[in-house]
């Protein structure tokens, strides 16, 4: 059974022996969400407890592919899309 990219991140941090609260702070998610991910990992990887989960070799679980984040549009690109000139709105138009 495959694990999600987020579960892989949680698994890495469990392997670093971090608590659920520490993992939640690192990943900017709630402690309850971390608990759900850990529970799902225990079930999917068929291990009895968190200690066994932390002891798994790092390469035993495929890592999620790294993706590039989309860059925000530059102001110059936005002006080009509107025909080359900024448009005014409101009372000043």
C-alpha atoms as a PDB file:
ATOM      1  CA  UNK A   1       0.000   0.000   0.000  1.00  0.00           C
ATOM      2  CA  UNK A   2       1.374   3.425  -0.941  1.00  0.00           C
ATOM      3  CA  UNK A   3       1.790   6.280   1.481  1.00  0.00           C
ATOM      4  CA  UNK A   4       1.060   9.899   0.674  1.00  0.00           C
ATOM      5  CA  UNK A   5       3.799  12.525   0.376  1.00  0.00           C
ATOM      6  CA  UNK A   6       2.639  14.087   3.661  1.00  0.00           C
ATOM      7  CA  UNK A   7       2.732  10.705   5.391  1.00  0.00           C
ATOM      8  CA  UNK A   8       6.304  10.285   4.129  1.00  0.00           C
ATOM      9  CA  UNK A   9       7.217  13.634   5.702  1.00  0.00           C
ATOM     10  CA  UNK A  10       5.623  12.576   8.989  1.00  0.00           C
ATOM     11  CA  UNK A  11       7.437   9.224   8.810  1.00  0.00           C
ATOM     12  CA  UNK A  12      10.784  10.987   8.379  1.00  0.00           C
ATOM     13  CA  UNK A  13      10.119  13.127  11.434  1.00  0.00           C
ATOM     14  CA  UNK A  14       8.946  10.138  13.490  1.00  0.00           C
ATOM     15  CA  UNK A  15      12.258   8.533  12.496  1.00  0.00           C
ATOM     16  CA  UNK A  16      14.005  11.586  13.959  1.00  0.00           C
ATOM     17  CA  UNK A  17      12.207  10.778  17.247  1.00  0.00           C
ATOM     18  CA  UNK A  18      10.117  13.960  17.301  1.00  0.00           C
ATOM     19  CA  UNK A  19       6.892  14.135  19.285  1.00  0.00           C
ATOM     20  CA  UNK A  20       3.532  14.682  17.584  1.00  0.00           C
ATOM     21  CA  UNK A  21       3.554  18.299  18.806  1.00  0.00           C
ATOM     22  CA  UNK A  22       7.043  18.876  17.357  1.00  0.00           C
ATOM     23  CA  UNK A  23       6.038  17.307  14.034  1.00  0.00           C
ATOM     24  CA  UNK A  24       2.890  19.450  13.928  1.00  0.00           C
ATOM     25  CA  UNK A  25       4.931  22.607  14.508  1.00  0.00           C
ATOM     26  CA  UNK A  26       7.460  21.698  11.799  1.00  0.00           C
ATOM     27  CA  UNK A  27       4.802  20.900   9.196  1.00  0.00           C
ATOM     28  CA  UNK A  28       2.345  23.648  10.185  1.00  0.00           C
ATOM     29  CA  UNK A  29      -0.486  21.175  10.798  1.00  0.00           C
ATOM     30  CA  UNK A  30      -2.517  20.274  13.884  1.00  0.00           C
ATOM     31  CA  UNK A  31      -1.432  17.644  16.394  1.00  0.00           C
ATOM     32  CA  UNK A  32      -4.625  15.735  15.583  1.00  0.00           C
ATOM     33  CA  UNK A  33      -3.621  15.600  11.908  1.00  0.00           C
ATOM     34  CA  UNK A  34      -0.215  14.213  12.886  1.00  0.00           C
ATOM     35  CA  UNK A  35      -1.960  11.581  15.018  1.00  0.00           C
ATOM     36  CA  UNK A  36      -4.080  10.614  12.005  1.00  0.00           C
ATOM     37  CA  UNK A  37      -1.017  10.314   9.768  1.00  0.00           C
ATOM     38  CA  UNK A  38       0.848   8.205  12.340  1.00  0.00           C
ATOM     39  CA  UNK A  39      -2.170   5.931  12.766  1.00  0.00           C
ATOM     40  CA  UNK A  40      -2.469   5.542   9.008  1.00  0.00           C
ATOM     41  CA  UNK A  41       1.255   4.749   8.721  1.00  0.00           C
ATOM     42  CA  UNK A  42       1.028   2.086  11.436  1.00  0.00           C
ATOM     43  CA  UNK A  43      -1.811   0.426   9.543  1.00  0.00           C
ATOM     44  CA  UNK A  44      -0.325   0.761   6.051  1.00  0.00           C
ATOM     45  CA  UNK A  45       3.169  -0.377   7.011  1.00  0.00           C
ATOM     46  CA  UNK A  46       1.840  -3.103   9.320  1.00  0.00           C
ATOM     47  CA  UNK A  47       3.987  -2.221  12.322  1.00  0.00           C
ATOM     48  CA  UNK A  48       2.817  -2.621  15.924  1.00  0.00           C
ATOM     49  CA  UNK A  49       3.856   0.721  17.408  1.00  0.00           C
ATOM     50  CA  UNK A  50       5.530   4.080  16.929  1.00  0.00           C
ATOM     51  CA  UNK A  51       8.884   2.709  18.029  1.00  0.00           C
ATOM     52  CA  UNK A  52       8.837   0.151  15.232  1.00  0.00           C
ATOM     53  CA  UNK A  53       7.771   2.889  12.828  1.00  0.00           C
ATOM     54  CA  UNK A  54      10.728   5.066  13.871  1.00  0.00           C
ATOM     55  CA  UNK A  55      13.085   2.114  13.478  1.00  0.00           C
ATOM     56  CA  UNK A  56      12.240   1.482   9.840  1.00  0.00           C
ATOM     57  CA  UNK A  57      15.139   2.061   7.467  1.00  0.00           C
ATOM     58  CA  UNK A  58      14.767   5.376   5.607  1.00  0.00           C
ATOM     59  CA  UNK A  59      14.773   3.752   2.161  1.00  0.00           C
ATOM     60  CA  UNK A  60      12.113   1.168   3.052  1.00  0.00           C
ATOM     61  CA  UNK A  61       9.452   3.686   2.014  1.00  0.00           C
ATOM     62  CA  UNK A  62       9.625   5.429  -1.360  1.00  0.00           C
ATOM     63  CA  UNK A  63      10.164   9.160  -1.069  1.00  0.00           C
ATOM     64  CA  UNK A  64       7.645  11.477  -2.710  1.00  0.00           C
ATOM     65  CA  UNK A  65       8.922  13.199  -5.850  1.00  0.00           C
ATOM     66  CA  UNK A  66      10.021  16.761  -5.308  1.00  0.00           C
ATOM     67  CA  UNK A  67       7.969  19.250  -7.240  1.00  0.00           C
ATOM     68  CA  UNK A  68       8.728  22.849  -8.025  1.00  0.00           C
ATOM     69  CA  UNK A  69       6.359  25.408  -6.686  1.00  0.00           C
ATOM     70  CA  UNK A  70       4.793  27.774  -9.174  1.00  0.00           C
ATOM     71  CA  UNK A  71       6.238  31.243  -9.055  1.00  0.00           C
ATOM     72  CA  UNK A  72       3.895  34.182  -8.565  1.00  0.00           C
ATOM     73  CA  UNK A  73       3.280  36.240 -11.683  1.00  0.00           C
ATOM     74  CA  UNK A  74       5.532  39.243 -12.144  1.00  0.00           C
ATOM     75  CA  UNK A  75       3.926  42.657 -12.450  1.00  0.00           C
ATOM     76  CA  UNK A  76       5.421  43.109 -15.929  1.00  0.00           C
ATOM     77  CA  UNK A  77       3.707  39.911 -17.106  1.00  0.00           C
ATOM     78  CA  UNK A  78       0.366  41.103 -15.774  1.00  0.00           C
ATOM     79  CA  UNK A  79       0.639  44.411 -17.610  1.00  0.00           C
ATOM     80  CA  UNK A  80       1.429  42.605 -20.877  1.00  0.00           C
ATOM     81  CA  UNK A  81      -1.684  40.450 -20.466  1.00  0.00           C
ATOM     82  CA  UNK A  82      -3.941  43.506 -20.221  1.00  0.00           C
ATOM     83  CA  UNK A  83      -2.768  44.956 -23.496  1.00  0.00           C
ATOM     84  CA  UNK A  84       0.306  46.829 -22.334  1.00  0.00           C
ATOM     85  CA  UNK A  85      -1.249  49.435 -20.077  1.00  0.00           C
ATOM     86  CA  UNK A  86      -2.619  49.367 -16.597  1.00  0.00           C
ATOM     87  CA  UNK A  87      -6.345  49.986 -16.318  1.00  0.00           C
ATOM     88  CA  UNK A  88      -7.836  52.376 -13.831  1.00  0.00           C
ATOM     89  CA  UNK A  89     -10.907  51.578 -11.833  1.00  0.00           C
ATOM     90  CA  UNK A  90     -13.249  53.445  -9.527  1.00  0.00           C
ATOM     91  CA  UNK A  91     -13.916  57.208  -9.504  1.00  0.00           C
ATOM     92  CA  UNK A  92     -10.638  58.068 -11.234  1.00  0.00           C
ATOM     93  CA  UNK A  93     -11.457  56.092 -14.387  1.00  0.00           C
END
